[in-house]
């Protein structure tokens, strides 16, 4: 299980929820997401078991990135769970 760690210095490591959120709200994002929802989704994605590499591809908006079938499944499951939780939080 991954804890919340931060990389010091030269970068690398797991992207932050803030970095993922900024990518989700970018005009260039594949799926433009409102900021309040993007913040929630990003937190859940970073806390999930989605790989650092996949999260970095989201941050970089790397359209050529293709994760493994297992990784795509993890991302789909994490995004679906996060979407449900974030929609519930937004409705309150």
N, C-alpha and C. Protein backbone atom coordinates (compact mmCIF):
# COMPACT_ATOMS: atom_id res chain seq x y z
N UNK A 1 0.85 -1.19 0.00
CA UNK A 1 0.00 0.00 0.00
C UNK A 1 0.88 1.23 0.00
N UNK A 2 0.51 2.16 -0.83
CA UNK A 2 1.28 3.40 -0.92
C UNK A 2 0.75 4.41 0.07
N UNK A 3 1.65 5.02 0.81
CA UNK A 3 1.26 6.12 1.67
C UNK A 3 1.35 7.40 0.89
N UNK A 4 1.05 8.49 1.52
CA UNK A 4 1.19 9.77 0.84
C UNK A 4 2.62 10.22 1.03
N UNK A 5 3.36 10.19 -0.05
CA UNK A 5 4.75 10.61 -0.01
C UNK A 5 4.95 11.75 -0.98
N UNK A 6 5.93 12.56 -0.69
CA UNK A 6 6.24 13.65 -1.60
C UNK A 6 7.68 13.52 -2.03
N UNK A 7 7.92 13.78 -3.27
CA UNK A 7 9.28 13.73 -3.79
C UNK A 7 9.94 15.08 -3.53
N UNK A 8 11.13 15.05 -3.00
CA UNK A 8 11.86 16.29 -2.75
C UNK A 8 12.85 16.50 -3.88
N UNK A 9 12.97 17.74 -4.30
CA UNK A 9 14.01 18.05 -5.27
C UNK A 9 13.58 17.84 -6.69
N UNK A 10 14.23 16.94 -7.40
CA UNK A 10 14.17 16.86 -8.85
C UNK A 10 12.94 16.26 -9.47
N UNK A 11 11.87 16.10 -8.74
CA UNK A 11 10.65 15.59 -9.35
C UNK A 11 10.63 14.08 -9.39
N UNK A 12 9.80 13.53 -10.24
CA UNK A 12 9.63 12.09 -10.29
C UNK A 12 8.67 11.67 -9.20
N UNK A 13 8.41 10.40 -9.09
CA UNK A 13 7.49 9.93 -8.08
C UNK A 13 6.05 10.14 -8.49
N UNK A 14 5.18 10.04 -7.52
CA UNK A 14 3.74 10.11 -7.77
C UNK A 14 3.30 11.56 -7.94
N UNK A 15 2.55 11.85 -9.00
CA UNK A 15 2.01 13.20 -9.17
C UNK A 15 1.08 13.54 -8.00
N UNK A 16 0.97 14.81 -7.68
CA UNK A 16 0.09 15.25 -6.60
C UNK A 16 -1.34 15.37 -7.09
N UNK A 17 -2.27 15.41 -6.14
CA UNK A 17 -3.67 15.61 -6.50
C UNK A 17 -3.85 16.96 -7.20
N UNK A 18 -3.08 17.97 -6.79
CA UNK A 18 -3.16 19.28 -7.43
C UNK A 18 -2.75 19.21 -8.90
N UNK A 19 -1.68 18.46 -9.18
CA UNK A 19 -1.22 18.31 -10.57
C UNK A 19 -2.26 17.58 -11.42
N UNK A 20 -2.85 16.53 -10.86
CA UNK A 20 -3.86 15.77 -11.59
C UNK A 20 -5.10 16.65 -11.82
N UNK A 21 -5.50 17.38 -10.79
CA UNK A 21 -6.66 18.26 -10.91
C UNK A 21 -6.46 19.31 -12.00
N UNK A 22 -5.28 19.92 -12.03
CA UNK A 22 -4.99 20.93 -13.06
C UNK A 22 -5.08 20.32 -14.46
N UNK A 23 -4.61 19.08 -14.61
CA UNK A 23 -4.69 18.42 -15.91
C UNK A 23 -6.15 18.16 -16.30
N UNK A 24 -6.96 17.78 -15.32
CA UNK A 24 -8.37 17.48 -15.60
C UNK A 24 -9.16 18.73 -15.97
N UNK A 25 -8.75 19.90 -15.46
CA UNK A 25 -9.49 21.13 -15.75
C UNK A 25 -8.89 21.92 -16.91
N UNK A 26 -7.78 21.45 -17.45
CA UNK A 26 -7.12 22.13 -18.56
C UNK A 26 -8.02 22.21 -19.78
N UNK A 27 -7.87 23.29 -20.55
CA UNK A 27 -8.61 23.42 -21.81
C UNK A 27 -8.25 22.29 -22.77
N UNK A 28 -7.06 21.73 -22.62
CA UNK A 28 -6.60 20.65 -23.50
C UNK A 28 -7.03 19.27 -23.02
N UNK A 29 -7.70 19.20 -21.87
CA UNK A 29 -8.09 17.91 -21.31
C UNK A 29 -9.06 17.20 -22.24
N UNK A 30 -8.92 15.89 -22.32
CA UNK A 30 -9.82 15.08 -23.14
C UNK A 30 -11.25 15.21 -22.61
N UNK A 31 -11.39 15.25 -21.30
CA UNK A 31 -12.69 15.40 -20.66
C UNK A 31 -12.61 16.62 -19.75
N UNK A 32 -13.12 17.76 -20.23
CA UNK A 32 -13.09 18.97 -19.42
C UNK A 32 -13.94 18.75 -18.17
N UNK A 33 -13.36 19.01 -17.02
CA UNK A 33 -14.00 18.72 -15.74
C UNK A 33 -14.07 19.98 -14.91
N UNK A 34 -15.24 20.29 -14.32
CA UNK A 34 -15.33 21.46 -13.44
C UNK A 34 -14.33 21.33 -12.27
N UNK A 35 -13.81 22.47 -11.82
CA UNK A 35 -12.74 22.46 -10.83
C UNK A 35 -13.11 21.72 -9.54
N UNK A 36 -14.32 21.96 -9.02
CA UNK A 36 -14.69 21.31 -7.75
C UNK A 36 -14.75 19.79 -7.90
N UNK A 37 -15.20 19.31 -9.04
CA UNK A 37 -15.24 17.87 -9.29
C UNK A 37 -13.83 17.34 -9.57
N UNK A 38 -13.04 18.10 -10.32
CA UNK A 38 -11.67 17.68 -10.64
C UNK A 38 -10.83 17.51 -9.38
N UNK A 39 -10.98 18.42 -8.41
CA UNK A 39 -10.22 18.31 -7.15
C UNK A 39 -10.56 17.01 -6.44
N UNK A 40 -11.84 16.68 -6.40
CA UNK A 40 -12.29 15.46 -5.75
C UNK A 40 -11.79 14.22 -6.51
N UNK A 41 -11.98 14.21 -7.82
CA UNK A 41 -11.52 13.07 -8.63
C UNK A 41 -10.03 12.86 -8.47
N UNK A 42 -9.28 13.96 -8.54
CA UNK A 42 -7.81 13.86 -8.44
C UNK A 42 -7.38 13.25 -7.12
N UNK A 43 -8.00 13.68 -6.03
CA UNK A 43 -7.65 13.14 -4.71
C UNK A 43 -7.88 11.62 -4.68
N UNK A 44 -9.03 11.20 -5.19
CA UNK A 44 -9.33 9.76 -5.18
C UNK A 44 -8.39 8.98 -6.10
N UNK A 45 -8.05 9.54 -7.25
CA UNK A 45 -7.15 8.84 -8.17
C UNK A 45 -5.75 8.71 -7.57
N UNK A 46 -5.26 9.78 -6.95
CA UNK A 46 -3.92 9.73 -6.34
C UNK A 46 -3.91 8.75 -5.17
N UNK A 47 -5.02 8.65 -4.44
CA UNK A 47 -5.11 7.72 -3.30
C UNK A 47 -5.37 6.28 -3.73
N UNK A 48 -5.65 6.06 -5.03
CA UNK A 48 -5.96 4.72 -5.54
C UNK A 48 -4.68 3.94 -5.83
N UNK A 49 -4.86 2.72 -6.36
CA UNK A 49 -3.69 1.91 -6.73
C UNK A 49 -3.31 2.08 -8.20
N UNK A 50 -3.82 3.14 -8.84
CA UNK A 50 -3.39 3.48 -10.20
C UNK A 50 -1.90 3.82 -10.14
N UNK A 51 -1.13 3.35 -11.11
CA UNK A 51 0.32 3.54 -11.07
C UNK A 51 0.73 5.00 -11.23
N UNK A 52 1.91 5.31 -10.72
CA UNK A 52 2.49 6.64 -10.87
C UNK A 52 2.60 7.00 -12.36
N UNK A 53 2.98 6.02 -13.16
CA UNK A 53 3.18 6.25 -14.60
C UNK A 53 1.87 6.66 -15.28
N UNK A 54 0.77 6.01 -14.91
CA UNK A 54 -0.53 6.35 -15.48
C UNK A 54 -0.96 7.74 -15.03
N UNK A 55 -0.78 8.04 -13.74
CA UNK A 55 -1.13 9.37 -13.24
C UNK A 55 -0.28 10.44 -13.94
N UNK A 56 0.99 10.14 -14.17
CA UNK A 56 1.86 11.10 -14.85
C UNK A 56 1.39 11.31 -16.29
N UNK A 57 0.92 10.26 -16.93
CA UNK A 57 0.39 10.40 -18.29
C UNK A 57 -0.84 11.31 -18.31
N UNK A 58 -1.66 11.23 -17.26
CA UNK A 58 -2.81 12.14 -17.14
C UNK A 58 -2.32 13.57 -16.99
N UNK A 59 -1.36 13.78 -16.10
CA UNK A 59 -0.80 15.12 -15.86
C UNK A 59 -0.20 15.67 -17.14
N UNK A 60 0.54 14.83 -17.86
CA UNK A 60 1.22 15.26 -19.09
C UNK A 60 0.26 15.31 -20.28
N UNK A 61 -0.96 14.83 -20.09
CA UNK A 61 -1.95 14.71 -21.17
C UNK A 61 -1.34 13.98 -22.37
N UNK A 62 -0.70 12.87 -22.04
CA UNK A 62 0.00 12.05 -23.04
C UNK A 62 -1.00 11.17 -23.78
N UNK A 63 -1.40 11.62 -24.95
CA UNK A 63 -2.40 10.89 -25.73
C UNK A 63 -1.86 9.57 -26.28
N UNK A 64 -0.56 9.41 -26.30
CA UNK A 64 0.04 8.19 -26.84
C UNK A 64 0.25 7.12 -25.77
N UNK A 65 0.04 7.47 -24.51
CA UNK A 65 0.26 6.51 -23.42
C UNK A 65 -0.78 5.41 -23.46
N UNK A 66 -0.32 4.18 -23.41
CA UNK A 66 -1.21 3.03 -23.33
C UNK A 66 -0.71 2.13 -22.22
N UNK A 67 -1.41 2.14 -21.12
CA UNK A 67 -1.06 1.26 -20.02
C UNK A 67 -1.47 -0.16 -20.33
N UNK A 68 -1.07 -1.08 -19.48
CA UNK A 68 -1.45 -2.48 -19.64
C UNK A 68 -2.96 -2.64 -19.45
N UNK A 69 -3.47 -3.78 -19.83
CA UNK A 69 -4.90 -4.05 -19.62
C UNK A 69 -5.24 -3.95 -18.14
N UNK A 70 -4.37 -4.48 -17.29
CA UNK A 70 -4.60 -4.42 -15.84
C UNK A 70 -4.61 -2.98 -15.35
N UNK A 71 -3.71 -2.17 -15.89
CA UNK A 71 -3.64 -0.76 -15.48
C UNK A 71 -4.87 0.01 -15.95
N UNK A 72 -5.32 -0.26 -17.17
CA UNK A 72 -6.53 0.40 -17.66
C UNK A 72 -7.73 0.02 -16.79
N UNK A 73 -7.77 -1.25 -16.37
CA UNK A 73 -8.86 -1.70 -15.50
C UNK A 73 -8.80 -0.98 -14.16
N UNK A 74 -7.60 -0.84 -13.58
CA UNK A 74 -7.46 -0.11 -12.32
C UNK A 74 -7.93 1.34 -12.46
N UNK A 75 -7.54 1.98 -13.56
CA UNK A 75 -7.92 3.37 -13.78
C UNK A 75 -9.43 3.49 -13.95
N UNK A 76 -10.02 2.59 -14.72
CA UNK A 76 -11.48 2.62 -14.92
C UNK A 76 -12.21 2.43 -13.60
N UNK A 77 -11.77 1.46 -12.81
CA UNK A 77 -12.42 1.20 -11.52
C UNK A 77 -12.24 2.39 -10.58
N UNK A 78 -11.02 2.94 -10.52
CA UNK A 78 -10.75 4.07 -9.63
C UNK A 78 -11.57 5.29 -10.06
N UNK A 79 -11.63 5.55 -11.35
CA UNK A 79 -12.37 6.70 -11.85
C UNK A 79 -13.88 6.54 -11.61
N UNK A 80 -14.38 5.33 -11.78
CA UNK A 80 -15.81 5.08 -11.55
C UNK A 80 -16.15 5.27 -10.08
N UNK A 81 -15.34 4.70 -9.20
CA UNK A 81 -15.56 4.85 -7.76
C UNK A 81 -15.45 6.31 -7.36
N UNK A 82 -14.42 6.99 -7.86
CA UNK A 82 -14.22 8.40 -7.53
C UNK A 82 -15.38 9.24 -8.05
N UNK A 83 -15.82 8.95 -9.27
CA UNK A 83 -16.93 9.71 -9.84
C UNK A 83 -18.19 9.59 -9.01
N UNK A 84 -18.48 8.40 -8.53
CA UNK A 84 -19.65 8.17 -7.69
C UNK A 84 -19.52 8.94 -6.38
N UNK A 85 -18.36 8.81 -5.72
CA UNK A 85 -18.15 9.51 -4.45
C UNK A 85 -18.19 11.01 -4.63
N UNK A 86 -17.58 11.51 -5.68
CA UNK A 86 -17.54 12.95 -5.90
C UNK A 86 -18.93 13.50 -6.24
N UNK A 87 -19.71 12.75 -7.00
CA UNK A 87 -21.07 13.18 -7.32
C UNK A 87 -21.91 13.24 -6.05
N UNK A 88 -21.73 12.24 -5.17
CA UNK A 88 -22.46 12.23 -3.90
C UNK A 88 -22.06 13.44 -3.04
N UNK A 89 -20.75 13.73 -2.99
CA UNK A 89 -20.27 14.86 -2.21
C UNK A 89 -20.79 16.18 -2.77
N UNK A 90 -20.83 16.31 -4.09
CA UNK A 90 -21.29 17.53 -4.74
C UNK A 90 -22.78 17.75 -4.50
N UNK A 91 -23.52 16.66 -4.35
CA UNK A 91 -24.97 16.76 -4.18
C UNK A 91 -25.36 17.16 -2.75
N UNK A 92 -24.44 17.07 -1.82
CA UNK A 92 -24.76 17.38 -0.43
C UNK A 92 -24.77 18.86 -0.16
